[in-house]
Amino acid sequence: MSLKNATVEFQTDVSSFGEGIVVAHDESTGSLVIRDADGIHWRGVEDHIVVIEHAR
């Protein structure tokens, strides 16, 4: 299932987390791009996120 447009919490380093919206998700590799409230993009994998709310 695609996570595009889902609100997620993501890990930025060992003890820091952010929250944002998934703007791209490759289901075959698990990679994704998240945009936070400041417009900053984070690239990572599904293993480093927690879904807060699925897109409707």
PDB file of N, CA and C in Angstrom:
ATOM      1  N   MET A   1       0.843  -1.183   0.000  1.00  0.00           N
ATOM      2  CA  MET A   1       0.000   0.000   0.000  1.00  0.00           C
ATOM      3  C   MET A   1       0.888   1.246   0.000  1.00  0.00           C
ATOM      4  N   SER A   2       0.570   2.165  -0.870  1.00  0.00           N
ATOM      5  CA  SER A   2       1.348   3.395  -0.945  1.00  0.00           C
ATOM      6  C   SER A   2       1.127   4.265   0.290  1.00  0.00           C
ATOM      7  N   LEU A   3       2.195   4.889   0.725  1.00  0.00           N
ATOM      8  CA  LEU A   3       2.122   5.805   1.865  1.00  0.00           C
ATOM      9  C   LEU A   3       2.032   7.266   1.419  1.00  0.00           C
ATOM     10  N   LYS A   4       1.937   7.501   0.111  1.00  0.00           N
ATOM     11  CA  LYS A   4       1.895   8.873  -0.393  1.00  0.00           C
ATOM     12  C   LYS A   4       0.759   9.649   0.267  1.00  0.00           C
ATOM     13  N   ASN A   5       1.075  10.846   0.716  1.00  0.00           N
ATOM     14  CA  ASN A   5       0.173  11.780   1.403  1.00  0.00           C
ATOM     15  C   ASN A   5      -0.128  11.405   2.847  1.00  0.00           C
ATOM     16  N   ALA A   6       0.492  10.346   3.366  1.00  0.00           N
ATOM     17  CA  ALA A   6       0.310   9.987   4.774  1.00  0.00           C
ATOM     18  C   ALA A   6       1.123  10.936   5.652  1.00  0.00           C
ATOM     19  N   THR A   7       0.616  11.209   6.839  1.00  0.00           N
ATOM     20  CA  THR A   7       1.360  11.978   7.835  1.00  0.00           C
ATOM     21  C   THR A   7       2.180  10.984   8.639  1.00  0.00           C
ATOM     22  N   VAL A   8       3.486  11.259   8.763  1.00  0.00           N
ATOM     23  CA  VAL A   8       4.379  10.314   9.429  1.00  0.00           C
ATOM     24  C   VAL A   8       5.351  11.029  10.357  1.00  0.00           C
ATOM     25  N   GLU A   9       5.876  10.264  11.301  1.00  0.00           N
ATOM     26  CA  GLU A   9       6.991  10.712  12.128  1.00  0.00           C
ATOM     27  C   GLU A   9       8.213   9.990  11.585  1.00  0.00           C
ATOM     28  N   PHE A  10       9.328  10.713  11.435  1.00  0.00           N
ATOM     29  CA  PHE A  10      10.528  10.106  10.875  1.00  0.00           C
ATOM     30  C   PHE A  10      11.736  10.429  11.736  1.00  0.00           C
ATOM     31  N   GLN A  11      12.690   9.517  11.734  1.00  0.00           N
ATOM     32  CA  GLN A  11      13.895   9.671  12.546  1.00  0.00           C
ATOM     33  C   GLN A  11      14.962  10.378  11.728  1.00  0.00           C
ATOM     34  N   THR A  12      15.452  11.517  12.242  1.00  0.00           N
ATOM     35  CA  THR A  12      16.462  12.295  11.530  1.00  0.00           C
ATOM     36  C   THR A  12      17.883  11.968  11.971  1.00  0.00           C
ATOM     37  N   ASP A  13      18.043  11.516  13.195  1.00  0.00           N
ATOM     38  CA  ASP A  13      19.321  10.996  13.689  1.00  0.00           C
ATOM     39  C   ASP A  13      19.037  10.140  14.915  1.00  0.00           C
ATOM     40  N   VAL A  14      20.053   9.804  15.673  1.00  0.00           N
ATOM     41  CA  VAL A  14      19.892   8.852  16.773  1.00  0.00           C
ATOM     42  C   VAL A  14      18.796   9.242  17.759  1.00  0.00           C
ATOM     43  N   SER A  15      18.687  10.521  18.086  1.00  0.00           N
ATOM     44  CA  SER A  15      17.715  10.929  19.104  1.00  0.00           C
ATOM     45  C   SER A  15      16.767  12.036  18.650  1.00  0.00           C
ATOM     46  N   SER A  16      16.690  12.290  17.352  1.00  0.00           N
ATOM     47  CA  SER A  16      15.832  13.366  16.845  1.00  0.00           C
ATOM     48  C   SER A  16      14.799  12.824  15.863  1.00  0.00           C
ATOM     49  N   PHE A  17      13.613  13.411  15.941  1.00  0.00           N
ATOM     50  CA  PHE A  17      12.517  12.992  15.083  1.00  0.00           C
ATOM     51  C   PHE A  17      11.836  14.216  14.491  1.00  0.00           C
ATOM     52  N   GLY A  18      11.175  14.031  13.366  1.00  0.00           N
ATOM     53  CA  GLY A  18      10.401  15.083  12.736  1.00  0.00           C
ATOM     54  C   GLY A  18       9.059  14.526  12.304  1.00  0.00           C
ATOM     55  N   GLU A  19       8.197  15.417  11.837  1.00  0.00           N
ATOM     56  CA  GLU A  19       6.882  15.009  11.349  1.00  0.00           C
ATOM     57  C   GLU A  19       6.657  15.655   9.999  1.00  0.00           C
ATOM     58  N   GLY A  20       6.046  14.930   9.081  1.00  0.00           N
ATOM     59  CA  GLY A  20       5.798  15.487   7.766  1.00  0.00           C
ATOM     60  C   GLY A  20       4.850  14.634   6.953  1.00  0.00           C
ATOM     61  N   ILE A  21       4.734  14.996   5.676  1.00  0.00           N
ATOM     62  CA  ILE A  21       3.846  14.326   4.729  1.00  0.00           C
ATOM     63  C   ILE A  21       4.700  13.589   3.701  1.00  0.00           C
ATOM     64  N   VAL A  22       4.337  12.351   3.405  1.00  0.00           N
ATOM     65  CA  VAL A  22       5.042  11.578   2.382  1.00  0.00           C
ATOM     66  C   VAL A  22       4.660  12.150   1.020  1.00  0.00           C
ATOM     67  N   VAL A  23       5.655  12.606   0.251  1.00  0.00           N
ATOM     68  CA  VAL A  23       5.392  13.169  -1.075  1.00  0.00           C
ATOM     69  C   VAL A  23       5.774  12.200  -2.188  1.00  0.00           C
ATOM     70  N   ALA A  24       6.564  11.175  -1.863  1.00  0.00           N
ATOM     71  CA  ALA A  24       6.917  10.140  -2.838  1.00  0.00           C
ATOM     72  C   ALA A  24       7.199   8.852  -2.087  1.00  0.00           C
ATOM     73  N   HIS A  25       6.767   7.731  -2.681  1.00  0.00           N
ATOM     74  CA  HIS A  25       6.975   6.429  -2.041  1.00  0.00           C
ATOM     75  C   HIS A  25       7.158   5.376  -3.123  1.00  0.00           C
ATOM     76  N   ASP A  26       8.298   4.700  -3.092  1.00  0.00           N
ATOM     77  CA  ASP A  26       8.563   3.588  -4.005  1.00  0.00           C
ATOM     78  C   ASP A  26       8.294   2.303  -3.235  1.00  0.00           C
ATOM     79  N   GLU A  27       7.166   1.691  -3.511  1.00  0.00           N
ATOM     80  CA  GLU A  27       6.770   0.495  -2.764  1.00  0.00           C
ATOM     81  C   GLU A  27       7.707  -0.680  -2.995  1.00  0.00           C
ATOM     82  N   SER A  28       8.357  -0.748  -4.152  1.00  0.00           N
ATOM     83  CA  SER A  28       9.233  -1.884  -4.448  1.00  0.00           C
ATOM     84  C   SER A  28      10.532  -1.840  -3.655  1.00  0.00           C
ATOM     85  N   THR A  29      11.021  -0.638  -3.336  1.00  0.00           N
ATOM     86  CA  THR A  29      12.279  -0.515  -2.588  1.00  0.00           C
ATOM     87  C   THR A  29      12.065  -0.064  -1.146  1.00  0.00           C
ATOM     88  N   GLY A  30      10.881   0.479  -0.848  1.00  0.00           N
ATOM     89  CA  GLY A  30      10.607   0.990   0.493  1.00  0.00           C
ATOM     90  C   GLY A  30      11.146   2.388   0.735  1.00  0.00           C
ATOM     91  N   SER A  31      11.726   3.004  -0.289  1.00  0.00           N
ATOM     92  CA  SER A  31      12.265   4.359  -0.118  1.00  0.00           C
ATOM     93  C   SER A  31      11.140   5.383  -0.234  1.00  0.00           C
ATOM     94  N   LEU A  32      11.341   6.512   0.459  1.00  0.00           N
ATOM     95  CA  LEU A  32      10.344   7.564   0.407  1.00  0.00           C
ATOM     96  C   LEU A  32      10.961   8.935   0.615  1.00  0.00           C
ATOM     97  N   VAL A  33      10.164   9.945   0.271  1.00  0.00           N
ATOM     98  CA  VAL A  33      10.540  11.343   0.470  1.00  0.00           C
ATOM     99  C   VAL A  33       9.431  11.973   1.300  1.00  0.00           C
ATOM    100  N   ILE A  34       9.846  12.681   2.359  1.00  0.00           N
ATOM    101  CA  ILE A  34       8.902  13.330   3.265  1.00  0.00           C
ATOM    102  C   ILE A  34       9.190  14.825   3.273  1.00  0.00           C
ATOM    103  N   ARG A  35       8.137  15.650   3.257  1.00  0.00           N
ATOM    104  CA  ARG A  35       8.285  17.109   3.358  1.00  0.00           C
ATOM    105  C   ARG A  35       7.723  17.531   4.707  1.00  0.00           C
ATOM    106  N   ASP A  36       8.541  18.265   5.480  1.00  0.00           N
ATOM    107  CA  ASP A  36       8.065  18.732   6.786  1.00  0.00           C
ATOM    108  C   ASP A  36       7.389  20.093   6.655  1.00  0.00           C
ATOM    109  N   ALA A  37       6.925  20.646   7.759  1.00  0.00           N
ATOM    110  CA  ALA A  37       6.184  21.915   7.761  1.00  0.00           C
ATOM    111  C   ALA A  37       7.021  23.090   7.271  1.00  0.00           C
ATOM    112  N   ASP A  38       8.348  22.987   7.368  1.00  0.00           N
ATOM    113  CA  ASP A  38       9.240  24.047   6.897  1.00  0.00           C
ATOM    114  C   ASP A  38       9.592  23.892   5.422  1.00  0.00           C
ATOM    115  N   GLY A  39       9.071  22.847   4.773  1.00  0.00           N
ATOM    116  CA  GLY A  39       9.351  22.611   3.359  1.00  0.00           C
ATOM    117  C   GLY A  39      10.636  21.839   3.109  1.00  0.00           C
ATOM    118  N   ILE A  40      11.248  21.330   4.167  1.00  0.00           N
ATOM    119  CA  ILE A  40      12.491  20.564   4.033  1.00  0.00           C
ATOM    120  C   ILE A  40      12.142  19.122   3.687  1.00  0.00           C
ATOM    121  N   HIS A  41      12.897  18.545   2.753  1.00  0.00           N
ATOM    122  CA  HIS A  41      12.664  17.169   2.331  1.00  0.00           C
ATOM    123  C   HIS A  41      13.638  16.222   3.022  1.00  0.00           C
ATOM    124  N   TRP A  42      13.136  15.087   3.435  1.00  0.00           N
ATOM    125  CA  TRP A  42      13.921  14.024   4.057  1.00  0.00           C
ATOM    126  C   TRP A  42      13.751  12.784   3.205  1.00  0.00           C
ATOM    127  N   ARG A  43      14.866  12.135   2.891  1.00  0.00           N
ATOM    128  CA  ARG A  43      14.823  10.897   2.113  1.00  0.00           C
ATOM    129  C   ARG A  43      15.259   9.749   2.999  1.00  0.00           C
ATOM    130  N   GLY A  44      14.506   8.665   2.961  1.00  0.00           N
ATOM    131  CA  GLY A  44      14.841   7.519   3.793  1.00  0.00           C
ATOM    132  C   GLY A  44      14.033   6.300   3.399  1.00  0.00           C
ATOM    133  N   VAL A  45      13.908   5.371   4.346  1.00  0.00           N
ATOM    134  CA  VAL A  45      13.189   4.124   4.088  1.00  0.00           C
ATOM    135  C   VAL A  45      12.067   3.929   5.102  1.00  0.00           C
ATOM    136  N   GLU A  46      11.148   3.052   4.747  1.00  0.00           N
ATOM    137  CA  GLU A  46       9.964   2.799   5.575  1.00  0.00           C
ATOM    138  C   GLU A  46      10.309   2.379   7.001  1.00  0.00           C
ATOM    139  N   ASP A  47      11.429   1.714   7.185  1.00  0.00           N
ATOM    140  CA  ASP A  47      11.817   1.224   8.516  1.00  0.00           C
ATOM    141  C   ASP A  47      12.069   2.347   9.515  1.00  0.00           C
ATOM    142  N   HIS A  48      12.234   3.585   9.040  1.00  0.00           N
ATOM    143  CA  HIS A  48      12.578   4.701   9.915  1.00  0.00           C
ATOM    144  C   HIS A  48      11.420   5.662  10.126  1.00  0.00           C
ATOM    145  N   ILE A  49      10.201   5.201   9.861  1.00  0.00           N
ATOM    146  CA  ILE A  49       9.029   6.070  10.039  1.00  0.00           C
ATOM    147  C   ILE A  49       7.952   5.374  10.867  1.00  0.00           C
ATOM    148  N   VAL A  50       7.054   6.196  11.405  1.00  0.00           N
ATOM    149  CA  VAL A  50       5.837   5.709  12.056  1.00  0.00           C
ATOM    150  C   VAL A  50       4.682   6.474  11.421  1.00  0.00           C
ATOM    151  N   VAL A  51       3.701   5.762  10.898  1.00  0.00           N
ATOM    152  CA  VAL A  51       2.544   6.409  10.277  1.00  0.00           C
ATOM    153  C   VAL A  51       1.639   6.963  11.371  1.00  0.00           C
ATOM    154  N   ILE A  52       1.364   8.259  11.293  1.00  0.00           N
ATOM    155  CA  ILE A  52       0.463   8.915  12.242  1.00  0.00           C
ATOM    156  C   ILE A  52      -0.966   8.869  11.709  1.00  0.00           C
ATOM    157  N   GLU A  53      -1.114   9.157  10.411  1.00  0.00           N
ATOM    158  CA  GLU A  53      -2.441   9.143   9.790  1.00  0.00           C
ATOM    159  C   GLU A  53      -2.290   8.804   8.316  1.00  0.00           C
ATOM    160  N   HIS A  54      -3.030   7.797   7.850  1.00  0.00           N
ATOM    161  CA  HIS A  54      -3.018   7.438   6.435  1.00  0.00           C
ATOM    162  C   HIS A  54      -3.778   8.487   5.635  1.00  0.00           C
ATOM    163  N   ALA A  55      -3.376   8.639   4.377  1.00  0.00           N
ATOM    164  CA  ALA A  55      -4.069   9.571   3.484  1.00  0.00           C
ATOM    165  C   ALA A  55      -5.498   9.098   3.266  1.00  0.00           C
ATOM    166  N   ARG A  56      -6.376  10.036   3.067  1.00  0.00           N
ATOM    167  CA  ARG A  56      -7.794   9.688   2.844  1.00  0.00           C
ATOM    168  C   ARG A  56      -8.122   9.705   1.395  1.00  0.00           C
TER     169      ARG A  56
END
